[in-house]
Amino acid sequence: MRVPMFKSAAAVAALLSSLMLPGLARAEGGITVSDPYARASTMMSASGAAFMVIENHTAADDRLVSAASDIAERVELHTHVADTNGVMQMIEVPEGFMIPANGSHALQRGADHVMFLGLTRPLAQGDIIPVTLTFETAGEVVVEVPVDLERKPMHGQMQGQMQGKMQMGAPSN
C-alpha cells in the first residue's frame, strides 16, 4: 500500500478539512464553528434558534455580524437580558458578537444565539439547516446545523466549562 506524501502544510490542511465531521465548519479567516444544533420551542412554533461554539484561531478579534438561512423570513442575532424586574427578555443584538483573538464564544440557550423568525417550515428532528454566518474579518462561513429537538439544556457545555473558554449563561430557550 502506498502512503501519499504531502509537500506542504496547505495540502495536509486541505485533506483534513475534507475529512471534517458534519456540523464542523472552518473559514479561511481562522474561524471554526463546532457543535451546532437548532431547535424550535414547539412543533407549531413560528420561531427557532441555533446554538454553536465559534472559535477564533487568529491573533486579532473578529465579530459575528449577521446570520442568514432560507429556513426563516428573518434571521437575527439575539441574547437574553434581565429587565428592571429581573424578568429575562430576548433582544436583538445588531452589533453582533465579539469572538476574541485565540478564543471562543458560545452561542447557547439562555444567552447569545441565532434566532429564526417566521419559520418557512417546521424544524423536524434530524433536519439539516444551512446557515451562513458573516464575520467582519473572516467573511462568510456556511454551517450545516442539525435540528436536535431532544438535546438537554446543558448538553455540550461541560467540556467548555472544563476548558474555561466558553461564556456561560442560564439555559432557558
N, C-alpha and C. Protein backbone atom coordinates (compact mmCIF):
# COMPACT_ATOMS: atom_id res chain seq x y z
N MET A 1 0.84 -1.18 0.00
CA MET A 1 0.00 0.00 0.00
C MET A 1 0.88 1.24 0.00
N ARG A 2 0.55 2.17 -0.84
CA ARG A 2 1.33 3.39 -0.96
C ARG A 2 0.71 4.49 -0.11
N VAL A 3 1.52 5.16 0.68
CA VAL A 3 1.06 6.26 1.53
C VAL A 3 1.45 7.56 0.83
N PRO A 4 0.47 8.47 0.62
CA PRO A 4 0.79 9.73 -0.07
C PRO A 4 1.69 10.62 0.78
N MET A 5 2.59 11.32 0.12
CA MET A 5 3.47 12.28 0.79
C MET A 5 2.92 13.68 0.50
N PHE A 6 2.94 14.53 1.51
CA PHE A 6 2.45 15.90 1.35
C PHE A 6 3.62 16.85 1.32
N LYS A 7 3.63 17.73 0.33
CA LYS A 7 4.73 18.66 0.16
C LYS A 7 4.51 19.99 0.87
N SER A 8 3.30 20.18 1.40
CA SER A 8 3.06 21.46 2.07
C SER A 8 2.03 21.29 3.18
N ALA A 9 2.04 22.22 4.11
CA ALA A 9 1.05 22.24 5.18
C ALA A 9 -0.34 22.49 4.61
N ALA A 10 -0.42 23.24 3.52
CA ALA A 10 -1.70 23.53 2.88
C ALA A 10 -2.35 22.25 2.36
N ALA A 11 -1.54 21.34 1.82
CA ALA A 11 -2.08 20.07 1.32
C ALA A 11 -2.62 19.24 2.47
N VAL A 12 -1.92 19.23 3.58
CA VAL A 12 -2.38 18.50 4.76
C VAL A 12 -3.67 19.11 5.27
N ALA A 13 -3.73 20.46 5.34
CA ALA A 13 -4.93 21.15 5.81
C ALA A 13 -6.12 20.85 4.90
N ALA A 14 -5.89 20.80 3.59
CA ALA A 14 -6.96 20.51 2.65
C ALA A 14 -7.50 19.10 2.87
N LEU A 15 -6.60 18.15 3.08
CA LEU A 15 -7.04 16.78 3.34
C LEU A 15 -7.83 16.71 4.64
N LEU A 16 -7.34 17.32 5.69
CA LEU A 16 -8.03 17.28 6.98
C LEU A 16 -9.39 17.94 6.90
N SER A 17 -9.50 19.06 6.19
CA SER A 17 -10.80 19.74 6.10
C SER A 17 -11.79 18.89 5.31
N SER A 18 -11.32 18.08 4.38
CA SER A 18 -12.24 17.22 3.63
C SER A 18 -12.75 16.07 4.49
N LEU A 19 -12.06 15.78 5.59
CA LEU A 19 -12.46 14.70 6.49
C LEU A 19 -13.27 15.18 7.68
N MET A 20 -13.57 16.47 7.75
CA MET A 20 -14.27 17.02 8.91
C MET A 20 -15.65 16.42 9.09
N LEU A 21 -16.08 16.38 10.33
CA LEU A 21 -17.39 15.86 10.66
C LEU A 21 -18.47 16.85 10.22
N PRO A 22 -19.68 16.34 9.89
CA PRO A 22 -20.78 17.25 9.58
C PRO A 22 -21.02 18.18 10.76
N GLY A 23 -21.35 19.43 10.46
CA GLY A 23 -21.61 20.39 11.52
C GLY A 23 -20.39 21.19 11.91
N LEU A 24 -19.20 20.73 11.52
CA LEU A 24 -17.98 21.47 11.83
C LEU A 24 -17.63 22.30 10.60
N ALA A 25 -17.44 23.59 10.77
CA ALA A 25 -17.10 24.45 9.64
C ALA A 25 -15.86 25.26 9.99
N ARG A 26 -15.04 25.49 8.98
CA ARG A 26 -13.83 26.28 9.17
C ARG A 26 -13.75 27.29 8.04
N ALA A 27 -13.47 28.53 8.40
CA ALA A 27 -13.34 29.59 7.40
C ALA A 27 -11.87 29.82 7.10
N GLU A 28 -11.60 30.34 5.92
CA GLU A 28 -10.23 30.70 5.55
C GLU A 28 -9.67 31.72 6.54
N GLY A 29 -10.54 32.53 7.15
CA GLY A 29 -10.10 33.59 8.05
C GLY A 29 -9.82 33.14 9.47
N GLY A 30 -9.69 31.84 9.73
CA GLY A 30 -9.31 31.38 11.05
C GLY A 30 -10.46 31.13 12.01
N ILE A 31 -11.69 31.09 11.52
CA ILE A 31 -12.85 30.84 12.37
C ILE A 31 -13.27 29.38 12.23
N THR A 32 -13.54 28.73 13.37
CA THR A 32 -14.07 27.36 13.39
C THR A 32 -15.39 27.38 14.13
N VAL A 33 -16.38 26.67 13.59
CA VAL A 33 -17.68 26.54 14.24
C VAL A 33 -17.88 25.06 14.56
N SER A 34 -18.18 24.77 15.83
CA SER A 34 -18.38 23.38 16.22
C SER A 34 -19.64 23.23 17.07
N ASP A 35 -20.09 22.00 17.20
CA ASP A 35 -21.25 21.61 17.99
C ASP A 35 -22.50 22.44 17.69
N PRO A 36 -22.82 22.66 16.38
CA PRO A 36 -24.04 23.42 16.10
C PRO A 36 -25.28 22.55 16.24
N TYR A 37 -26.37 23.15 16.67
CA TYR A 37 -27.67 22.49 16.64
C TYR A 37 -28.75 23.56 16.67
N ALA A 38 -29.93 23.18 16.19
CA ALA A 38 -31.07 24.10 16.14
C ALA A 38 -32.27 23.42 16.77
N ARG A 39 -33.20 24.26 17.21
CA ARG A 39 -34.45 23.72 17.77
C ARG A 39 -35.54 24.78 17.67
N ALA A 40 -36.77 24.31 17.75
CA ALA A 40 -37.93 25.18 17.85
C ALA A 40 -38.50 24.96 19.24
N SER A 41 -39.18 25.97 19.78
CA SER A 41 -39.71 25.82 21.13
C SER A 41 -40.87 24.82 21.17
N THR A 42 -41.66 24.74 20.10
CA THR A 42 -42.73 23.73 20.00
C THR A 42 -42.83 23.31 18.54
N MET A 43 -43.55 22.25 18.27
CA MET A 43 -43.73 21.78 16.89
C MET A 43 -44.47 22.81 16.03
N MET A 44 -45.32 23.62 16.63
CA MET A 44 -46.11 24.60 15.89
C MET A 44 -45.49 26.00 15.95
N SER A 45 -44.30 26.12 16.48
CA SER A 45 -43.66 27.41 16.68
C SER A 45 -43.33 28.10 15.36
N ALA A 46 -43.46 29.41 15.35
CA ALA A 46 -43.09 30.22 14.18
C ALA A 46 -41.65 30.70 14.28
N SER A 47 -40.96 30.32 15.36
CA SER A 47 -39.57 30.74 15.52
C SER A 47 -38.73 29.57 16.02
N GLY A 48 -37.43 29.72 15.87
CA GLY A 48 -36.49 28.72 16.33
C GLY A 48 -35.16 29.38 16.61
N ALA A 49 -34.19 28.61 17.04
CA ALA A 49 -32.88 29.17 17.36
C ALA A 49 -31.79 28.17 17.04
N ALA A 50 -30.59 28.68 16.82
CA ALA A 50 -29.41 27.84 16.58
C ALA A 50 -28.34 28.21 17.60
N PHE A 51 -27.60 27.19 17.99
CA PHE A 51 -26.57 27.33 19.02
C PHE A 51 -25.31 26.64 18.51
N MET A 52 -24.14 27.10 18.95
CA MET A 52 -22.88 26.55 18.48
C MET A 52 -21.74 27.18 19.26
N VAL A 53 -20.54 26.69 19.05
CA VAL A 53 -19.34 27.29 19.62
C VAL A 53 -18.52 27.82 18.45
N ILE A 54 -18.15 29.10 18.53
CA ILE A 54 -17.35 29.74 17.49
C ILE A 54 -15.96 30.00 18.06
N GLU A 55 -14.93 29.48 17.38
CA GLU A 55 -13.55 29.68 17.82
C GLU A 55 -12.81 30.55 16.81
N ASN A 56 -11.99 31.45 17.33
CA ASN A 56 -11.18 32.34 16.51
C ASN A 56 -9.72 31.92 16.70
N HIS A 57 -9.11 31.40 15.64
CA HIS A 57 -7.74 30.90 15.71
C HIS A 57 -6.73 31.91 15.18
N THR A 58 -7.06 33.20 15.32
CA THR A 58 -6.14 34.24 14.86
C THR A 58 -5.72 35.11 16.04
N ALA A 59 -4.78 35.99 15.80
CA ALA A 59 -4.27 36.89 16.85
C ALA A 59 -5.07 38.18 16.94
N ALA A 60 -6.16 38.30 16.19
CA ALA A 60 -6.99 39.52 16.22
C ALA A 60 -8.45 39.16 16.50
N ASP A 61 -9.12 40.02 17.25
CA ASP A 61 -10.55 39.83 17.50
C ASP A 61 -11.31 39.85 16.17
N ASP A 62 -12.42 39.15 16.11
CA ASP A 62 -13.33 39.21 14.98
C ASP A 62 -14.72 39.38 15.56
N ARG A 63 -15.71 39.61 14.73
CA ARG A 63 -17.07 39.83 15.21
C ARG A 63 -18.04 39.13 14.27
N LEU A 64 -18.95 38.32 14.85
CA LEU A 64 -20.07 37.77 14.10
C LEU A 64 -21.06 38.91 13.94
N VAL A 65 -21.32 39.32 12.69
CA VAL A 65 -22.17 40.49 12.47
C VAL A 65 -23.56 40.15 11.93
N SER A 66 -23.73 38.96 11.34
CA SER A 66 -25.06 38.58 10.86
C SER A 66 -25.11 37.10 10.58
N ALA A 67 -26.34 36.62 10.38
CA ALA A 67 -26.59 35.24 10.00
C ALA A 67 -27.74 35.22 9.00
N ALA A 68 -27.75 34.22 8.13
CA ALA A 68 -28.81 34.10 7.13
C ALA A 68 -29.12 32.63 6.90
N SER A 69 -30.40 32.35 6.59
CA SER A 69 -30.83 30.99 6.26
C SER A 69 -32.18 31.07 5.56
N ASP A 70 -32.41 30.12 4.65
CA ASP A 70 -33.71 30.11 3.97
C ASP A 70 -34.79 29.44 4.81
N ILE A 71 -34.48 29.03 6.03
CA ILE A 71 -35.45 28.39 6.91
C ILE A 71 -36.43 29.40 7.52
N ALA A 72 -36.08 30.70 7.46
CA ALA A 72 -36.91 31.71 8.11
C ALA A 72 -36.99 32.98 7.28
N GLU A 73 -38.06 33.74 7.54
CA GLU A 73 -38.22 35.03 6.87
C GLU A 73 -37.14 36.02 7.31
N ARG A 74 -36.76 35.95 8.60
CA ARG A 74 -35.69 36.80 9.14
C ARG A 74 -34.80 35.96 10.04
N VAL A 75 -33.51 36.27 10.00
CA VAL A 75 -32.55 35.63 10.90
C VAL A 75 -31.80 36.76 11.60
N GLU A 76 -31.80 36.71 12.93
CA GLU A 76 -31.18 37.78 13.72
C GLU A 76 -30.27 37.17 14.78
N LEU A 77 -29.35 38.00 15.27
CA LEU A 77 -28.51 37.63 16.40
C LEU A 77 -29.20 38.15 17.65
N HIS A 78 -29.42 37.28 18.64
CA HIS A 78 -30.17 37.63 19.84
C HIS A 78 -29.40 37.25 21.10
N THR A 79 -29.82 37.86 22.21
CA THR A 79 -29.33 37.49 23.52
C THR A 79 -30.47 37.63 24.52
N HIS A 80 -30.23 37.23 25.75
CA HIS A 80 -31.20 37.40 26.84
C HIS A 80 -30.63 38.40 27.84
N VAL A 81 -31.47 39.32 28.30
CA VAL A 81 -31.08 40.27 29.35
C VAL A 81 -32.22 40.37 30.36
N ALA A 82 -31.86 40.70 31.59
CA ALA A 82 -32.87 40.88 32.63
C ALA A 82 -33.37 42.31 32.61
N ASP A 83 -34.71 42.49 32.68
CA ASP A 83 -35.26 43.84 32.77
C ASP A 83 -35.16 44.33 34.22
N THR A 84 -35.71 45.49 34.50
CA THR A 84 -35.59 46.07 35.84
C THR A 84 -36.27 45.23 36.92
N ASN A 85 -37.19 44.35 36.52
CA ASN A 85 -37.86 43.46 37.48
C ASN A 85 -37.19 42.08 37.57
N GLY A 86 -36.07 41.92 36.86
CA GLY A 86 -35.38 40.64 36.88
C GLY A 86 -35.96 39.61 35.93
N VAL A 87 -36.91 40.02 35.08
CA VAL A 87 -37.51 39.12 34.12
C VAL A 87 -36.62 39.08 32.87
N MET A 88 -36.29 37.86 32.43
CA MET A 88 -35.44 37.71 31.25
C MET A 88 -36.21 38.06 29.98
N GLN A 89 -35.58 38.86 29.13
CA GLN A 89 -36.16 39.22 27.84
C GLN A 89 -35.15 38.88 26.75
N MET A 90 -35.67 38.49 25.60
CA MET A 90 -34.81 38.22 24.45
C MET A 90 -34.79 39.46 23.58
N ILE A 91 -33.59 39.92 23.21
CA ILE A 91 -33.46 41.12 22.38
C ILE A 91 -32.48 40.87 21.23
N GLU A 92 -32.66 41.61 20.15
CA GLU A 92 -31.73 41.56 19.03
C GLU A 92 -30.45 42.29 19.41
N VAL A 93 -29.33 41.79 18.90
CA VAL A 93 -28.02 42.41 19.12
C VAL A 93 -27.48 42.82 17.75
N PRO A 94 -27.86 44.01 17.26
CA PRO A 94 -27.49 44.40 15.90
C PRO A 94 -25.98 44.53 15.68
N GLU A 95 -25.23 44.81 16.73
CA GLU A 95 -23.77 44.93 16.58
C GLU A 95 -23.08 43.58 16.53
N GLY A 96 -23.79 42.50 16.83
CA GLY A 96 -23.24 41.16 16.75
C GLY A 96 -22.45 40.77 17.99
N PHE A 97 -21.68 39.69 17.86
CA PHE A 97 -20.95 39.12 18.98
C PHE A 97 -19.45 39.10 18.71
N MET A 98 -18.68 39.60 19.68
CA MET A 98 -17.23 39.59 19.57
C MET A 98 -16.72 38.17 19.75
N ILE A 99 -15.80 37.77 18.87
CA ILE A 99 -15.12 36.48 19.00
C ILE A 99 -13.66 36.85 19.29
N PRO A 100 -13.21 36.65 20.54
CA PRO A 100 -11.89 37.14 20.92
C PRO A 100 -10.76 36.41 20.20
N ALA A 101 -9.66 37.12 20.02
CA ALA A 101 -8.46 36.54 19.42
C ALA A 101 -8.05 35.30 20.19
N ASN A 102 -7.73 34.24 19.47
CA ASN A 102 -7.31 32.97 20.07
C ASN A 102 -8.26 32.51 21.18
N GLY A 103 -9.55 32.77 20.99
CA GLY A 103 -10.54 32.40 21.99
C GLY A 103 -11.81 31.90 21.32
N SER A 104 -12.86 31.78 22.13
CA SER A 104 -14.12 31.27 21.60
C SER A 104 -15.30 32.01 22.23
N HIS A 105 -16.43 31.84 21.61
CA HIS A 105 -17.67 32.42 22.11
C HIS A 105 -18.77 31.39 21.86
N ALA A 106 -19.49 31.01 22.92
CA ALA A 106 -20.54 30.01 22.80
C ALA A 106 -21.88 30.70 22.57
N LEU A 107 -22.59 30.26 21.53
CA LEU A 107 -23.98 30.67 21.33
C LEU A 107 -24.78 29.54 21.94
N GLN A 108 -25.54 29.84 23.00
CA GLN A 108 -26.19 28.79 23.78
C GLN A 108 -27.54 29.23 24.29
N ARG A 109 -28.30 28.26 24.72
CA ARG A 109 -29.64 28.51 25.23
C ARG A 109 -29.57 29.43 26.45
N GLY A 110 -30.45 30.44 26.47
CA GLY A 110 -30.49 31.38 27.58
C GLY A 110 -29.46 32.48 27.49
N ALA A 111 -28.72 32.55 26.40
CA ALA A 111 -27.66 33.55 26.23
C ALA A 111 -27.66 33.98 24.76
N ASP A 112 -26.50 34.27 24.21
CA ASP A 112 -26.39 34.66 22.80
C ASP A 112 -26.78 33.48 21.91
N HIS A 113 -27.47 33.78 20.79
CA HIS A 113 -27.88 32.73 19.86
C HIS A 113 -28.30 33.33 18.53
N VAL A 114 -28.46 32.47 17.52
CA VAL A 114 -29.01 32.86 16.23
C VAL A 114 -30.51 32.58 16.30
N MET A 115 -31.33 33.58 15.96
CA MET A 115 -32.79 33.46 16.07
C MET A 115 -33.40 33.40 14.68
N PHE A 116 -34.26 32.40 14.45
CA PHE A 116 -35.01 32.25 13.21
C PHE A 116 -36.43 32.75 13.46
N LEU A 117 -36.84 33.80 12.75
CA LEU A 117 -38.18 34.38 12.93
C LEU A 117 -39.00 34.17 11.67
N GLY A 118 -40.21 33.67 11.83
CA GLY A 118 -41.07 33.37 10.69
C GLY A 118 -40.58 32.14 9.95
N LEU A 119 -40.53 31.01 10.65
CA LEU A 119 -40.05 29.77 10.02
C LEU A 119 -40.84 29.48 8.75
N THR A 120 -40.14 29.09 7.70
CA THR A 120 -40.79 28.76 6.43
C THR A 120 -41.28 27.32 6.40
N ARG A 121 -40.84 26.52 7.39
CA ARG A 121 -41.30 25.14 7.55
C ARG A 121 -40.96 24.71 8.97
N PRO A 122 -41.62 23.67 9.47
CA PRO A 122 -41.31 23.20 10.82
C PRO A 122 -39.88 22.65 10.90
N LEU A 123 -39.29 22.75 12.06
CA LEU A 123 -37.97 22.16 12.30
C LEU A 123 -38.20 20.74 12.80
N ALA A 124 -37.83 19.75 12.00
CA ALA A 124 -38.04 18.35 12.36
C ALA A 124 -36.73 17.72 12.82
N GLN A 125 -36.82 16.86 13.81
CA GLN A 125 -35.65 16.17 14.34
C GLN A 125 -34.83 15.57 13.19
N GLY A 126 -33.52 15.86 13.18
CA GLY A 126 -32.62 15.31 12.17
C GLY A 126 -32.47 16.13 10.91
N ASP A 127 -33.34 17.13 10.69
CA ASP A 127 -33.17 18.01 9.52
C ASP A 127 -31.81 18.70 9.60
N ILE A 128 -31.30 19.09 8.45
CA ILE A 128 -30.06 19.88 8.38
C ILE A 128 -30.41 21.24 7.80
N ILE A 129 -30.04 22.30 8.53
CA ILE A 129 -30.33 23.67 8.10
C ILE A 129 -29.02 24.35 7.70
N PRO A 130 -28.90 24.82 6.45
CA PRO A 130 -27.72 25.59 6.10
C PRO A 130 -27.86 27.01 6.66
N VAL A 131 -26.86 27.45 7.40
CA VAL A 131 -26.84 28.79 7.99
C VAL A 131 -25.53 29.45 7.57
N THR A 132 -25.64 30.67 7.03
CA THR A 132 -24.46 31.43 6.66
C THR A 132 -24.19 32.46 7.73
N LEU A 133 -23.03 32.34 8.37
CA LEU A 133 -22.58 33.30 9.37
C LEU A 133 -21.64 34.27 8.69
N THR A 134 -21.80 35.57 8.97
CA THR A 134 -20.92 36.57 8.38
C THR A 134 -20.13 37.26 9.48
N PHE A 135 -18.79 37.27 9.31
CA PHE A 135 -17.87 37.86 10.27
C PHE A 135 -17.21 39.10 9.65
N GLU A 136 -16.88 40.07 10.49
CA GLU A 136 -16.24 41.30 10.00
C GLU A 136 -14.97 40.99 9.22
N THR A 137 -14.13 40.14 9.76
CA THR A 137 -12.83 39.87 9.14
C THR A 137 -12.82 38.57 8.34
N ALA A 138 -13.31 37.50 8.91
CA ALA A 138 -13.24 36.18 8.27
C ALA A 138 -14.20 36.03 7.10
N GLY A 139 -15.21 36.90 7.01
CA GLY A 139 -16.18 36.79 5.93
C GLY A 139 -17.25 35.76 6.23
N GLU A 140 -17.73 35.07 5.19
CA GLU A 140 -18.85 34.15 5.34
C GLU A 140 -18.37 32.73 5.67
N VAL A 141 -19.10 32.10 6.58
CA VAL A 141 -18.88 30.71 6.93
C VAL A 141 -20.24 30.02 6.85
N VAL A 142 -20.35 28.99 6.02
CA VAL A 142 -21.59 28.24 5.90
C VAL A 142 -21.51 27.03 6.83
N VAL A 143 -22.51 26.90 7.70
CA VAL A 143 -22.56 25.82 8.68
C VAL A 143 -23.80 24.99 8.43
N GLU A 144 -23.64 23.67 8.40
CA GLU A 144 -24.79 22.77 8.31
C GLU A 144 -25.21 22.45 9.73
N VAL A 145 -26.37 22.97 10.12
CA VAL A 145 -26.84 22.88 11.51
C VAL A 145 -27.90 21.80 11.61
N PRO A 146 -27.62 20.73 12.36
CA PRO A 146 -28.64 19.70 12.54
C PRO A 146 -29.71 20.15 13.53
N VAL A 147 -30.95 19.77 13.26
CA VAL A 147 -32.04 20.04 14.19
C VAL A 147 -32.02 18.93 15.24
N ASP A 148 -31.95 19.35 16.51
CA ASP A 148 -31.92 18.41 17.62
C ASP A 148 -32.94 18.88 18.65
N LEU A 149 -34.14 18.35 18.57
CA LEU A 149 -35.22 18.76 19.45
C LEU A 149 -35.17 18.04 20.79
N GLU A 150 -34.24 17.08 20.92
CA GLU A 150 -34.16 16.28 22.14
C GLU A 150 -33.00 16.68 23.05
N ARG A 151 -32.14 17.56 22.58
CA ARG A 151 -30.95 17.94 23.35
C ARG A 151 -31.34 18.60 24.65
N LYS A 152 -30.66 18.22 25.69
CA LYS A 152 -30.90 18.80 27.02
C LYS A 152 -30.21 20.16 27.10
N PRO A 153 -30.71 21.07 27.94
CA PRO A 153 -30.18 22.44 28.00
C PRO A 153 -28.67 22.54 28.22
N MET A 154 -28.07 21.67 29.01
CA MET A 154 -26.64 21.81 29.30
C MET A 154 -25.75 20.93 28.42
N HIS A 155 -26.32 20.21 27.44
CA HIS A 155 -25.55 19.31 26.59
C HIS A 155 -24.42 20.07 25.88
N GLY A 156 -23.24 19.53 25.92
CA GLY A 156 -22.11 20.12 25.21
C GLY A 156 -21.41 21.23 25.97
N GLN A 157 -21.93 21.66 27.12
CA GLN A 157 -21.32 22.79 27.82
C GLN A 157 -20.29 22.36 28.85
N MET A 158 -20.30 21.11 29.31
CA MET A 158 -19.35 20.68 30.32
C MET A 158 -17.92 20.78 29.82
N GLN A 159 -17.68 20.36 28.59
CA GLN A 159 -16.34 20.43 28.04
C GLN A 159 -15.84 21.87 28.03
N GLY A 160 -16.70 22.81 27.62
CA GLY A 160 -16.30 24.21 27.60
C GLY A 160 -16.01 24.74 28.98
N GLN A 161 -16.77 24.31 29.99
CA GLN A 161 -16.52 24.76 31.35
C GLN A 161 -15.16 24.26 31.82
N MET A 162 -14.83 23.01 31.51
CA MET A 162 -13.57 22.46 31.96
C MET A 162 -12.40 23.14 31.27
N GLN A 163 -12.57 23.53 30.01
CA GLN A 163 -11.51 24.21 29.29
C GLN A 163 -11.45 25.69 29.66
N GLY A 164 -12.50 26.21 30.25
CA GLY A 164 -12.52 27.61 30.67
C GLY A 164 -12.63 28.59 29.52
N LYS A 165 -13.11 28.16 28.37
CA LYS A 165 -13.16 29.03 27.20
C LYS A 165 -14.52 29.66 26.97
N MET A 166 -15.60 28.97 27.35
CA MET A 166 -16.93 29.42 26.97
C MET A 166 -17.47 30.45 27.94
N GLN A 167 -18.33 31.30 27.43
CA GLN A 167 -19.06 32.24 28.27
C GLN A 167 -20.39 31.59 28.57
N MET A 168 -20.66 31.32 29.82
CA MET A 168 -21.85 30.55 30.18
C MET A 168 -23.01 31.47 30.55
N GLY A 169 -24.21 31.01 30.31
CA GLY A 169 -25.42 31.72 30.69
C GLY A 169 -26.44 30.72 31.20
N ALA A 170 -27.46 31.21 31.83
CA ALA A 170 -28.51 30.32 32.37
C ALA A 170 -29.36 29.81 31.22
N PRO A 171 -29.54 28.48 31.07
CA PRO A 171 -30.35 27.96 29.99
C PRO A 171 -31.82 28.38 30.11
N SER A 172 -32.47 28.70 29.00
CA SER A 172 -33.89 28.99 29.04
C SER A 172 -34.60 28.61 27.77
N ASN A 173 -34.01 28.80 26.59
CA ASN A 173 -34.70 28.54 25.31
C ASN A 173 -35.30 27.19 25.29
